[in-house]
Amino acid sequence: MLPVAPADPGPPLLQVPIALISFAIFPGLPTDKARIWWLSAEEQELARKRMRDDGVAGTKKITIKGMLKIFSGWHLWVPVRDPALASPVASCSC
């Protein structure tokens, strides 16, 4: 008996609506210039004040230097090896 394949994330028919809903639910940080639709102006200003008080740094622009730092790191290029997939015979409960 062959091992069961990992679960498929689903067809694009399901992925696209989930992505659109996620975009609406997570619209950005209170420090962004644009007003978040589900916060009033006072609530957004309070959130900005709390973030400043907690020492949270604001967002930064993406630069070429930053992208090179991300893509030159070994974390991106070394895949994680799943021990369960390493030996399908050992995980078989026949």
N, C-alpha and C. Protein backbone atom coordinates (compact mmCIF):
# COMPACT_ATOMS: atom_id res chain seq x y z
N MET A 1 0.85 -1.18 0.00
CA MET A 1 0.00 0.00 0.00
C MET A 1 0.89 1.24 0.00
N LEU A 2 0.60 2.17 -0.89
CA LEU A 2 1.38 3.39 -1.00
C LEU A 2 0.97 4.40 0.07
N PRO A 3 1.92 5.22 0.51
CA PRO A 3 1.56 6.24 1.50
C PRO A 3 0.63 7.29 0.90
N VAL A 4 -0.16 7.89 1.74
CA VAL A 4 -1.10 8.92 1.30
C VAL A 4 -0.34 10.20 1.00
N ALA A 5 -0.65 10.84 -0.10
CA ALA A 5 -0.01 12.10 -0.48
C ALA A 5 -0.49 13.23 0.43
N PRO A 6 0.34 14.27 0.61
CA PRO A 6 -0.10 15.42 1.42
C PRO A 6 -1.36 16.04 0.82
N ALA A 7 -2.11 16.68 1.67
CA ALA A 7 -3.38 17.29 1.24
C ALA A 7 -3.12 18.38 0.20
N ASP A 8 -3.95 18.39 -0.82
CA ASP A 8 -3.89 19.41 -1.86
C ASP A 8 -4.51 20.68 -1.31
N PRO A 9 -3.88 21.87 -1.53
CA PRO A 9 -4.45 23.10 -1.00
C PRO A 9 -5.80 23.47 -1.61
N GLY A 10 -6.18 22.79 -2.65
CA GLY A 10 -7.48 23.05 -3.25
C GLY A 10 -7.36 23.69 -4.61
N PRO A 11 -8.42 23.64 -5.37
CA PRO A 11 -8.38 24.24 -6.70
C PRO A 11 -8.39 25.76 -6.61
N PRO A 12 -7.95 26.41 -7.68
CA PRO A 12 -7.96 27.88 -7.68
C PRO A 12 -9.35 28.46 -7.44
N LEU A 13 -10.36 27.66 -7.72
CA LEU A 13 -11.72 28.12 -7.49
C LEU A 13 -11.94 28.46 -6.00
N LEU A 14 -11.25 27.77 -5.11
CA LEU A 14 -11.34 28.07 -3.69
C LEU A 14 -10.27 29.06 -3.23
N GLN A 15 -9.09 29.01 -3.84
CA GLN A 15 -7.98 29.85 -3.40
C GLN A 15 -8.21 31.32 -3.69
N VAL A 16 -8.80 31.65 -4.82
CA VAL A 16 -9.00 33.06 -5.18
C VAL A 16 -9.96 33.76 -4.22
N PRO A 17 -11.13 33.20 -3.90
CA PRO A 17 -11.99 33.89 -2.94
C PRO A 17 -11.36 34.02 -1.55
N ILE A 18 -10.61 33.02 -1.14
CA ILE A 18 -9.94 33.10 0.17
C ILE A 18 -8.90 34.22 0.15
N ALA A 19 -8.17 34.38 -0.95
CA ALA A 19 -7.19 35.45 -1.06
C ALA A 19 -7.87 36.82 -1.02
N LEU A 20 -8.99 36.97 -1.70
CA LEU A 20 -9.70 38.25 -1.71
C LEU A 20 -10.27 38.58 -0.34
N ILE A 21 -10.82 37.59 0.35
CA ILE A 21 -11.34 37.81 1.71
C ILE A 21 -10.20 38.19 2.65
N SER A 22 -9.05 37.52 2.51
CA SER A 22 -7.89 37.83 3.35
C SER A 22 -7.41 39.26 3.11
N PHE A 23 -7.43 39.68 1.86
CA PHE A 23 -7.01 41.05 1.54
C PHE A 23 -7.92 42.07 2.23
N ALA A 24 -9.21 41.77 2.32
CA ALA A 24 -10.15 42.69 2.96
C ALA A 24 -10.02 42.64 4.49
N ILE A 25 -9.74 41.48 5.04
CA ILE A 25 -9.65 41.34 6.50
C ILE A 25 -8.36 41.94 7.03
N PHE A 26 -7.24 41.77 6.29
CA PHE A 26 -5.94 42.28 6.73
C PHE A 26 -5.53 43.44 5.84
N PRO A 27 -6.12 44.62 6.04
CA PRO A 27 -5.89 45.72 5.10
C PRO A 27 -4.57 46.46 5.28
N GLY A 28 -3.89 46.32 6.38
CA GLY A 28 -2.63 47.03 6.58
C GLY A 28 -2.43 47.35 8.05
N LEU A 29 -1.41 48.15 8.31
CA LEU A 29 -1.10 48.56 9.67
C LEU A 29 -1.70 49.93 9.96
N PRO A 30 -1.96 50.22 11.22
CA PRO A 30 -2.47 51.56 11.56
C PRO A 30 -1.49 52.68 11.21
N THR A 31 -0.22 52.34 11.04
CA THR A 31 0.76 53.38 10.70
C THR A 31 0.72 53.77 9.23
N ASP A 32 0.02 53.01 8.41
CA ASP A 32 -0.10 53.35 6.99
C ASP A 32 -0.86 54.65 6.83
N LYS A 33 -0.58 55.33 5.75
CA LYS A 33 -1.23 56.63 5.50
C LYS A 33 -2.72 56.46 5.20
N ALA A 34 -3.06 55.42 4.48
CA ALA A 34 -4.47 55.21 4.13
C ALA A 34 -5.26 54.80 5.37
N ARG A 35 -6.49 55.27 5.41
CA ARG A 35 -7.35 54.94 6.55
C ARG A 35 -7.89 53.52 6.38
N ILE A 36 -7.83 52.75 7.46
CA ILE A 36 -8.37 51.40 7.46
C ILE A 36 -9.88 51.49 7.58
N TRP A 37 -10.60 50.82 6.70
CA TRP A 37 -12.04 51.00 6.59
C TRP A 37 -12.81 50.59 7.83
N TRP A 38 -12.31 49.67 8.62
CA TRP A 38 -13.08 49.22 9.78
C TRP A 38 -12.66 49.91 11.07
N LEU A 39 -11.76 50.90 10.99
CA LEU A 39 -11.39 51.71 12.15
C LEU A 39 -11.82 53.15 11.92
N SER A 40 -12.35 53.77 12.96
CA SER A 40 -12.64 55.21 12.85
C SER A 40 -11.32 55.96 12.93
N ALA A 41 -11.35 57.25 12.62
CA ALA A 41 -10.12 58.06 12.65
C ALA A 41 -9.53 58.10 14.06
N GLU A 42 -10.40 58.17 15.07
CA GLU A 42 -9.93 58.20 16.46
C GLU A 42 -9.29 56.87 16.86
N GLU A 43 -9.90 55.76 16.43
CA GLU A 43 -9.36 54.44 16.76
C GLU A 43 -8.01 54.21 16.07
N GLN A 44 -7.89 54.69 14.84
CA GLN A 44 -6.63 54.53 14.13
C GLN A 44 -5.54 55.38 14.78
N GLU A 45 -5.87 56.57 15.21
CA GLU A 45 -4.89 57.42 15.89
C GLU A 45 -4.48 56.80 17.22
N LEU A 46 -5.43 56.20 17.95
CA LEU A 46 -5.12 55.51 19.20
C LEU A 46 -4.19 54.32 18.94
N ALA A 47 -4.44 53.58 17.87
CA ALA A 47 -3.58 52.45 17.52
C ALA A 47 -2.17 52.92 17.17
N ARG A 48 -2.05 54.05 16.46
CA ARG A 48 -0.74 54.61 16.14
C ARG A 48 0.00 55.00 17.41
N LYS A 49 -0.72 55.64 18.35
CA LYS A 49 -0.10 56.06 19.61
C LYS A 49 0.38 54.85 20.40
N ARG A 50 -0.44 53.80 20.46
CA ARG A 50 -0.04 52.60 21.20
C ARG A 50 1.19 51.94 20.56
N MET A 51 1.24 51.94 19.23
CA MET A 51 2.40 51.35 18.56
C MET A 51 3.66 52.17 18.84
N ARG A 52 3.55 53.50 18.85
CA ARG A 52 4.70 54.35 19.18
C ARG A 52 5.14 54.10 20.61
N ASP A 53 4.17 54.02 21.53
CA ASP A 53 4.49 53.79 22.94
C ASP A 53 5.17 52.44 23.16
N ASP A 54 4.80 51.43 22.37
CA ASP A 54 5.39 50.10 22.49
C ASP A 54 6.72 49.98 21.75
N GLY A 55 7.10 51.01 21.01
CA GLY A 55 8.37 50.99 20.29
C GLY A 55 8.33 50.22 18.99
N VAL A 56 7.15 50.06 18.41
CA VAL A 56 7.03 49.36 17.13
C VAL A 56 7.49 50.29 16.01
N ALA A 57 8.43 49.79 15.21
CA ALA A 57 8.95 50.59 14.10
C ALA A 57 7.92 50.63 12.98
N GLY A 58 7.91 51.72 12.26
CA GLY A 58 7.00 51.85 11.12
C GLY A 58 7.45 51.00 9.95
N THR A 59 6.63 50.96 8.92
CA THR A 59 6.98 50.18 7.75
C THR A 59 8.07 50.88 6.96
N LYS A 60 8.85 50.09 6.23
CA LYS A 60 9.93 50.64 5.43
C LYS A 60 9.67 50.30 3.97
N LYS A 61 10.26 51.09 3.10
CA LYS A 61 10.17 50.83 1.67
C LYS A 61 11.02 49.61 1.32
N ILE A 62 10.58 48.85 0.33
CA ILE A 62 11.35 47.70 -0.14
C ILE A 62 12.42 48.23 -1.09
N THR A 63 13.66 47.85 -0.80
CA THR A 63 14.78 48.30 -1.63
C THR A 63 15.43 47.11 -2.31
N ILE A 64 16.24 47.40 -3.30
CA ILE A 64 16.99 46.33 -4.00
C ILE A 64 17.95 45.67 -3.02
N LYS A 65 18.57 46.45 -2.15
CA LYS A 65 19.51 45.90 -1.18
C LYS A 65 18.79 44.93 -0.24
N GLY A 66 17.59 45.28 0.19
CA GLY A 66 16.82 44.40 1.05
C GLY A 66 16.41 43.12 0.34
N MET A 67 16.02 43.22 -0.93
CA MET A 67 15.65 42.04 -1.69
C MET A 67 16.86 41.12 -1.88
N LEU A 68 18.03 41.69 -2.16
CA LEU A 68 19.23 40.88 -2.30
C LEU A 68 19.57 40.16 -1.00
N LYS A 69 19.36 40.84 0.12
CA LYS A 69 19.62 40.22 1.42
C LYS A 69 18.69 39.02 1.65
N ILE A 70 17.43 39.17 1.27
CA ILE A 70 16.46 38.09 1.44
C ILE A 70 16.80 36.91 0.55
N PHE A 71 17.05 37.16 -0.73
CA PHE A 71 17.26 36.07 -1.68
C PHE A 71 18.66 35.47 -1.61
N SER A 72 19.60 36.12 -0.92
CA SER A 72 20.94 35.53 -0.79
C SER A 72 21.08 34.72 0.49
N GLY A 73 20.08 34.73 1.35
CA GLY A 73 20.14 33.96 2.59
C GLY A 73 19.91 32.47 2.34
N TRP A 74 20.56 31.64 3.14
CA TRP A 74 20.44 30.19 2.96
C TRP A 74 19.06 29.67 3.36
N HIS A 75 18.32 30.41 4.17
CA HIS A 75 17.01 29.95 4.63
C HIS A 75 16.04 29.73 3.47
N LEU A 76 16.18 30.52 2.45
CA LEU A 76 15.28 30.40 1.30
C LEU A 76 15.63 29.20 0.43
N TRP A 77 16.91 28.86 0.36
CA TRP A 77 17.36 27.87 -0.61
C TRP A 77 17.50 26.47 -0.02
N VAL A 78 17.49 26.32 1.30
CA VAL A 78 17.61 24.99 1.90
C VAL A 78 16.21 24.52 2.28
N PRO A 79 15.69 23.52 1.56
CA PRO A 79 14.34 23.06 1.87
C PRO A 79 14.30 22.27 3.18
N VAL A 80 13.16 22.28 3.80
CA VAL A 80 12.96 21.51 5.03
C VAL A 80 12.62 20.09 4.62
N ARG A 81 13.30 19.14 5.22
CA ARG A 81 13.07 17.73 4.88
C ARG A 81 12.09 17.17 5.90
N ASP A 82 10.99 16.66 5.41
CA ASP A 82 9.97 16.07 6.27
C ASP A 82 10.35 14.63 6.57
N PRO A 83 10.61 14.29 7.84
CA PRO A 83 11.02 12.93 8.17
C PRO A 83 9.94 11.89 7.83
N ALA A 84 8.69 12.28 7.82
CA ALA A 84 7.62 11.33 7.52
C ALA A 84 7.67 10.90 6.05
N LEU A 85 8.19 11.76 5.18
CA LEU A 85 8.26 11.44 3.76
C LEU A 85 9.58 10.78 3.39
N ALA A 86 10.54 10.73 4.32
CA ALA A 86 11.85 10.19 4.01
C ALA A 86 11.81 8.69 3.75
N SER A 87 11.03 7.96 4.51
CA SER A 87 10.98 6.51 4.35
C SER A 87 9.52 6.05 4.34
N PRO A 88 8.93 5.93 3.15
CA PRO A 88 7.52 5.54 3.11
C PRO A 88 7.25 4.14 3.64
N VAL A 89 8.26 3.25 3.55
CA VAL A 89 8.08 1.89 4.05
C VAL A 89 8.00 1.88 5.57
N ALA A 90 8.82 2.69 6.21
CA ALA A 90 8.84 2.71 7.67
C ALA A 90 7.55 3.27 8.26
N SER A 91 6.87 4.16 7.51
CA SER A 91 5.64 4.75 8.03
C SER A 91 4.40 3.96 7.65
N CYS A 92 4.57 2.87 6.92
CA CYS A 92 3.43 2.07 6.49
C CYS A 92 2.92 1.21 7.64
N SER A 93 1.63 1.26 7.88
CA SER A 93 1.04 0.43 8.93
C SER A 93 0.23 -0.70 8.29
N CYS A 94 0.91 -1.54 7.52
CA CYS A 94 0.26 -2.61 6.77
C CYS A 94 -0.10 -3.78 7.67
